[in-house]
Amino acid sequence: MKNRTLCLLAAGFSLMIAATPVMAHHSFSAEYDAKKPVSVKGVVTKVDWMNPHVYFYIDVEDENGKVTNWAFEMGPPNGLQRAGWTKNTMKIGDVVIVDGSLAKDGANQGNARSVTLASTGQKLGGASSEAQIP
């Protein structure tokens, strides 16, 4: 009886651990609206190159000089690498132009369809929303 209880607890714990990455992953349409395009230019302030999605943050200055920090999601690192990205493609301080889809809640957040490095004109796909172009 004691062995059976331990086996059931171990099996339950294993299932819970295995399901964690699935719960953390979300679909594009759950968070972003493909019918709300966004295009902004700003200075990179942070890059989080990790699974399940790469995130980067930029400071965007409006016509009145007010600076707002925006967050953008891209695809997973391995998908971005297949599209030509490396971990060092975009660095803090780089000026980028981002085209993508706005968050459904209207926050300063989006899903990057493409990122253009202003200094070189190099344009790379964001991987996770490329199929979501309206």
C-alpha atoms as a PDB file:
ATOM      1  CA  MET A   1       0.000   0.000   0.000  1.00  0.00           C
ATOM      2  CA  LYS A   2       2.815   2.386   0.904  1.00  0.00           C
ATOM      3  CA  ASN A   3       4.643   1.656  -2.391  1.00  0.00           C
ATOM      4  CA  ARG A   4       1.452   2.238  -4.385  1.00  0.00           C
ATOM      5  CA  THR A   5       0.889   5.615  -2.704  1.00  0.00           C
ATOM      6  CA  LEU A   6       4.464   6.666  -3.400  1.00  0.00           C
ATOM      7  CA  CYS A   7       4.139   5.593  -7.038  1.00  0.00           C
ATOM      8  CA  LEU A   8       0.898   7.581  -7.434  1.00  0.00           C
ATOM      9  CA  LEU A   9       2.447  10.663  -5.839  1.00  0.00           C
ATOM     10  CA  ALA A  10       5.525  10.378  -8.062  1.00  0.00           C
ATOM     11  CA  ALA A  11       3.361   9.949 -11.179  1.00  0.00           C
ATOM     12  CA  GLY A  12       1.199  12.939 -10.251  1.00  0.00           C
ATOM     13  CA  PHE A  13       4.226  15.109  -9.586  1.00  0.00           C
ATOM     14  CA  SER A  14       5.791  14.061 -12.904  1.00  0.00           C
ATOM     15  CA  LEU A  15       2.626  14.991 -14.802  1.00  0.00           C
ATOM     16  CA  MET A  16       2.481  18.352 -13.087  1.00  0.00           C
ATOM     17  CA  ILE A  17       6.118  19.114 -13.976  1.00  0.00           C
ATOM     18  CA  ALA A  18       5.636  17.974 -17.583  1.00  0.00           C
ATOM     19  CA  ALA A  19       2.570  20.212 -18.017  1.00  0.00           C
ATOM     20  CA  THR A  20       4.288  23.378 -16.784  1.00  0.00           C
ATOM     21  CA  PRO A  21       5.898  24.332 -20.142  1.00  0.00           C
ATOM     22  CA  VAL A  22       2.579  23.740 -21.914  1.00  0.00           C
ATOM     23  CA  MET A  23       0.770  26.116 -19.550  1.00  0.00           C
ATOM     24  CA  ALA A  24       3.444  28.778 -20.019  1.00  0.00           C
ATOM     25  CA  HIS A  25       3.133  28.688 -23.814  1.00  0.00           C
ATOM     26  CA  HIS A  26       0.346  30.652 -25.477  1.00  0.00           C
ATOM     27  CA  SER A  27      -0.944  31.171 -28.982  1.00  0.00           C
ATOM     28  CA  PHE A  28      -0.556  34.395 -30.940  1.00  0.00           C
ATOM     29  CA  SER A  29      -4.300  35.045 -31.077  1.00  0.00           C
ATOM     30  CA  ALA A  30      -4.698  34.678 -27.316  1.00  0.00           C
ATOM     31  CA  GLU A  31      -2.669  37.828 -26.673  1.00  0.00           C
ATOM     32  CA  TYR A  32      -2.272  39.800 -29.929  1.00  0.00           C
ATOM     33  CA  ASP A  33      -4.611  41.182 -32.603  1.00  0.00           C
ATOM     34  CA  ALA A  34      -3.420  40.666 -36.197  1.00  0.00           C
ATOM     35  CA  LYS A  35      -5.893  43.369 -37.302  1.00  0.00           C
ATOM     36  CA  LYS A  36      -4.120  45.998 -35.148  1.00  0.00           C
ATOM     37  CA  PRO A  37      -0.756  46.597 -36.823  1.00  0.00           C
ATOM     38  CA  VAL A  38       1.872  48.594 -34.981  1.00  0.00           C
ATOM     39  CA  SER A  39       5.088  50.151 -36.271  1.00  0.00           C
ATOM     40  CA  VAL A  40       7.476  51.896 -33.890  1.00  0.00           C
ATOM     41  CA  LYS A  41      11.079  53.039 -33.869  1.00  0.00           C
ATOM     42  CA  GLY A  42      13.097  53.036 -30.700  1.00  0.00           C
ATOM     43  CA  VAL A  43      16.265  52.254 -28.786  1.00  0.00           C
ATOM     44  CA  VAL A  44      16.770  48.717 -27.463  1.00  0.00           C
ATOM     45  CA  THR A  45      16.892  48.677 -23.651  1.00  0.00           C
ATOM     46  CA  LYS A  46      16.800  44.933 -22.943  1.00  0.00           C
ATOM     47  CA  VAL A  47      16.866  41.590 -24.790  1.00  0.00           C
ATOM     48  CA  ASP A  48      15.706  38.348 -23.142  1.00  0.00           C
ATOM     49  CA  TRP A  49      16.977  35.552 -25.414  1.00  0.00           C
ATOM     50  CA  MET A  50      15.340  32.493 -23.849  1.00  0.00           C
ATOM     51  CA  ASN A  51      12.650  29.883 -24.359  1.00  0.00           C
ATOM     52  CA  PRO A  52       9.797  29.704 -25.014  1.00  0.00           C
ATOM     53  CA  HIS A  53       9.899  33.154 -26.712  1.00  0.00           C
ATOM     54  CA  VAL A  54      12.451  35.910 -27.123  1.00  0.00           C
ATOM     55  CA  TYR A  55      11.375  39.283 -25.724  1.00  0.00           C
ATOM     56  CA  PHE A  56      12.967  42.651 -26.279  1.00  0.00           C
ATOM     57  CA  TYR A  57      12.196  46.119 -24.997  1.00  0.00           C
ATOM     58  CA  ILE A  58      12.623  49.505 -26.668  1.00  0.00           C
ATOM     59  CA  ASP A  59      12.248  53.117 -25.612  1.00  0.00           C
ATOM     60  CA  VAL A  60       9.977  54.906 -28.073  1.00  0.00           C
ATOM     61  CA  GLU A  61       9.841  58.711 -28.139  1.00  0.00           C
ATOM     62  CA  ASP A  62       6.563  60.328 -29.250  1.00  0.00           C
ATOM     63  CA  GLU A  63       6.171  63.663 -31.075  1.00  0.00           C
ATOM     64  CA  ASN A  64       6.085  65.514 -27.703  1.00  0.00           C
ATOM     65  CA  GLY A  65       9.350  63.971 -26.513  1.00  0.00           C
ATOM     66  CA  LYS A  66       7.697  61.579 -24.041  1.00  0.00           C
ATOM     67  CA  VAL A  67       9.531  58.240 -23.862  1.00  0.00           C
ATOM     68  CA  THR A  68       7.572  55.040 -23.380  1.00  0.00           C
ATOM     69  CA  ASN A  69       9.052  51.556 -22.990  1.00  0.00           C
ATOM     70  CA  TRP A  70       7.515  48.937 -25.294  1.00  0.00           C
ATOM     71  CA  ALA A  71       7.804  45.152 -24.983  1.00  0.00           C
ATOM     72  CA  PHE A  72       7.889  42.918 -28.048  1.00  0.00           C
ATOM     73  CA  GLU A  73       7.641  39.162 -28.300  1.00  0.00           C
ATOM     74  CA  MET A  74       9.238  37.110 -31.026  1.00  0.00           C
ATOM     75  CA  GLY A  75       9.442  33.389 -31.702  1.00  0.00           C
ATOM     76  CA  PRO A  76      11.614  30.846 -29.922  1.00  0.00           C
ATOM     77  CA  PRO A  77      15.397  31.222 -30.128  1.00  0.00           C
ATOM     78  CA  ASN A  78      15.865  28.210 -32.424  1.00  0.00           C
ATOM     79  CA  GLY A  79      13.267  29.537 -34.896  1.00  0.00           C
ATOM     80  CA  LEU A  80      14.902  32.945 -34.916  1.00  0.00           C
ATOM     81  CA  GLN A  81      18.313  31.386 -35.520  1.00  0.00           C
ATOM     82  CA  ARG A  82      16.907  29.583 -38.573  1.00  0.00           C
ATOM     83  CA  ALA A  83      15.664  33.004 -39.790  1.00  0.00           C
ATOM     84  CA  GLY A  84      19.173  34.501 -39.512  1.00  0.00           C
ATOM     85  CA  TRP A  85      19.203  35.868 -35.961  1.00  0.00           C
ATOM     86  CA  THR A  86      21.948  35.315 -33.423  1.00  0.00           C
ATOM     87  CA  LYS A  87      21.891  36.139 -29.748  1.00  0.00           C
ATOM     88  CA  ASN A  88      23.963  39.243 -30.557  1.00  0.00           C
ATOM     89  CA  THR A  89      22.061  40.512 -33.614  1.00  0.00           C
ATOM     90  CA  MET A  90      20.231  43.125 -31.562  1.00  0.00           C
ATOM     91  CA  LYS A  91      22.103  44.829 -28.740  1.00  0.00           C
ATOM     92  CA  ILE A  92      21.218  47.345 -26.043  1.00  0.00           C
ATOM     93  CA  GLY A  93      21.517  50.811 -27.560  1.00  0.00           C
ATOM     94  CA  ASP A  94      20.654  49.721 -31.125  1.00  0.00           C
ATOM     95  CA  VAL A  95      17.955  51.719 -32.892  1.00  0.00           C
ATOM     96  CA  VAL A  96      15.332  49.411 -34.401  1.00  0.00           C
ATOM     97  CA  ILE A  97      12.126  49.721 -36.378  1.00  0.00           C
ATOM     98  CA  VAL A  98       9.571  47.132 -35.332  1.00  0.00           C
ATOM     99  CA  ASP A  99       6.512  46.089 -37.353  1.00  0.00           C
ATOM    100  CA  GLY A 100       4.057  43.768 -35.716  1.00  0.00           C
ATOM    101  CA  SER A 101       0.713  43.343 -34.038  1.00  0.00           C
ATOM    102  CA  LEU A 102      -0.534  45.199 -30.987  1.00  0.00           C
ATOM    103  CA  ALA A 103      -1.542  43.459 -27.774  1.00  0.00           C
ATOM    104  CA  LYS A 104      -5.298  42.929 -27.488  1.00  0.00           C
ATOM    105  CA  ASP A 105      -5.421  44.927 -24.255  1.00  0.00           C
ATOM    106  CA  GLY A 106      -3.880  47.986 -25.970  1.00  0.00           C
ATOM    107  CA  ALA A 107      -0.788  47.969 -23.748  1.00  0.00           C
ATOM    108  CA  ASN A 108       2.589  49.109 -25.054  1.00  0.00           C
ATOM    109  CA  GLN A 109       3.286  45.559 -26.082  1.00  0.00           C
ATOM    110  CA  GLY A 110       3.322  43.741 -29.381  1.00  0.00           C
ATOM    111  CA  ASN A 111       4.321  40.695 -31.314  1.00  0.00           C
ATOM    112  CA  ALA A 112       7.175  41.575 -33.679  1.00  0.00           C
ATOM    113  CA  ARG A 113       6.585  40.469 -37.265  1.00  0.00           C
ATOM    114  CA  SER A 114       9.854  42.045 -38.397  1.00  0.00           C
ATOM    115  CA  VAL A 115      12.698  44.054 -36.921  1.00  0.00           C
ATOM    116  CA  THR A 116      14.866  46.388 -38.985  1.00  0.00           C
ATOM    117  CA  LEU A 117      18.231  47.491 -37.612  1.00  0.00           C
ATOM    118  CA  ALA A 118      18.321  51.233 -38.374  1.00  0.00           C
ATOM    119  CA  SER A 119      22.134  51.358 -38.600  1.00  0.00           C
ATOM    120  CA  THR A 120      22.388  48.731 -41.355  1.00  0.00           C
ATOM    121  CA  GLY A 121      18.878  48.422 -42.809  1.00  0.00           C
ATOM    122  CA  GLN A 122      19.006  44.680 -42.120  1.00  0.00           C
ATOM    123  CA  LYS A 123      15.444  43.375 -41.773  1.00  0.00           C
ATOM    124  CA  LEU A 124      14.761  40.082 -40.021  1.00  0.00           C
ATOM    125  CA  GLY A 125      11.524  38.229 -39.380  1.00  0.00           C
ATOM    126  CA  GLY A 126      10.219  37.861 -35.831  1.00  0.00           C
ATOM    127  CA  ALA A 127       9.197  34.203 -36.439  1.00  0.00           C
ATOM    128  CA  SER A 128       6.210  33.811 -34.118  1.00  0.00           C
ATOM    129  CA  SER A 129       3.696  35.978 -35.998  1.00  0.00           C
ATOM    130  CA  GLU A 130       4.851  35.779 -39.604  1.00  0.00           C
ATOM    131  CA  ALA A 131       1.824  33.643 -40.520  1.00  0.00           C
ATOM    132  CA  GLN A 132      -0.506  36.131 -38.784  1.00  0.00           C
ATOM    133  CA  ILE A 133      -0.071  38.991 -41.274  1.00  0.00           C
ATOM    134  CA  PRO A 134      -3.514  40.558 -41.916  1.00  0.00           C
END
